[in-house]
Structures are given as structure tokens and as C-alpha cells.
Amino acid sequence: MQGAGDGTFYGPHTENDQPVLVIGEGAGLWTNCVTWKSPQLAQQYKHKKFKDLYYQSDE
């Protein structure tokens, strides 16, 4: 993950064979959102929690 300052981090990743950008925040580097290449993919996966990403609600 690449730091963007003030506890926000960005990193390239792959989900469902699609390149995505993961945005994480906080002391635990919790996933805040996953950005997709198209609005259609974003809509399709908007409520999906991926098993290989760490979310604050997982604690």
C-alpha cells in the first residue's frame, strides 16, 4: 500500500480477475473502499466484502 498522508493508503489489487484500487484507512489499514474500472463493476460489487481484504468490522 502507498501512503497518501494522514492515515489513508492506496494500493493496486486484483479482485475477480479485475484490476482494482483498494483504499484503506486508520491504524489497522482497514479497507474503506474498492474502486473499479467501470461503473457497472462498481455497481455489481458495491456491497461485496472480499475475503482477502481486511475490514474494520472484521475485528
Protein backbone atom coordinates (compact mmCIF):
# COMPACT_ATOMS: atom_id res chain seq x y z
CA MET A 1 0.00 0.00 0.00
CA GLN A 2 1.16 3.51 -0.77
CA GLY A 3 0.58 6.14 1.89
CA ALA A 4 -1.21 9.33 0.91
CA GLY A 5 -0.84 11.01 4.28
CA ASP A 6 -2.98 11.25 7.40
CA GLY A 7 -3.65 7.51 7.64
CA THR A 8 -5.05 6.96 4.15
CA PHE A 9 -3.40 4.35 1.93
CA TYR A 10 -3.88 3.33 -1.70
CA GLY A 11 -2.80 0.07 -3.32
CA PRO A 12 -3.33 -1.82 -6.58
CA HIS A 13 -5.01 -5.20 -6.20
CA THR A 14 -6.98 -7.78 -8.18
CA GLU A 15 -10.50 -8.98 -7.38
CA ASN A 16 -12.45 -11.42 -9.56
CA ASP A 17 -9.72 -11.16 -12.23
CA GLN A 18 -10.26 -7.39 -12.45
CA PRO A 19 -7.65 -4.77 -11.54
CA VAL A 20 -8.87 -2.55 -8.71
CA LEU A 21 -7.55 0.16 -6.42
CA VAL A 22 -8.02 -0.51 -2.71
CA ILE A 23 -8.28 2.46 -0.36
CA GLY A 24 -7.57 1.77 3.30
CA GLU A 25 -7.62 3.99 6.36
CA GLY A 26 -6.88 4.01 10.05
CA ALA A 27 -4.39 2.38 12.35
CA GLY A 28 -5.43 -1.08 11.19
CA LEU A 29 -5.24 -0.24 7.48
CA TRP A 30 -8.88 -1.22 7.16
CA THR A 31 -10.36 -1.36 3.68
CA ASN A 32 -12.52 1.71 3.15
CA CYS A 33 -13.44 1.06 -0.47
CA VAL A 34 -12.51 -0.79 -3.63
CA THR A 35 -12.54 1.21 -6.85
CA TRP A 36 -13.36 -0.48 -10.16
CA LYS A 37 -12.62 0.32 -13.81
CA SER A 38 -16.27 0.74 -14.76
CA PRO A 39 -19.48 1.94 -13.12
CA GLN A 40 -21.06 -1.43 -13.99
CA LEU A 41 -18.46 -3.37 -11.98
CA ALA A 42 -18.70 -0.89 -9.12
CA GLN A 43 -22.48 -1.35 -9.02
CA GLN A 44 -22.17 -5.15 -9.22
CA TYR A 45 -19.77 -5.37 -6.26
CA LYS A 46 -20.81 -2.35 -4.18
CA HIS A 47 -21.83 -4.39 -1.11
CA LYS A 48 -19.33 -7.23 -1.54
CA LYS A 49 -16.73 -7.86 1.18
CA PHE A 50 -13.75 -9.70 -0.23
CA LYS A 51 -12.16 -12.42 1.90
CA ASP A 52 -8.61 -11.31 1.12
CA LEU A 53 -9.16 -7.72 2.33
CA TYR A 54 -9.28 -6.55 5.95
CA TYR A 55 -12.30 -4.53 7.09
CA GLN A 56 -12.76 -2.77 10.44
CA SER A 57 -15.97 -4.73 11.02
CA ASP A 58 -13.88 -7.95 10.89
CA GLU A 59 -12.47 -7.22 14.35
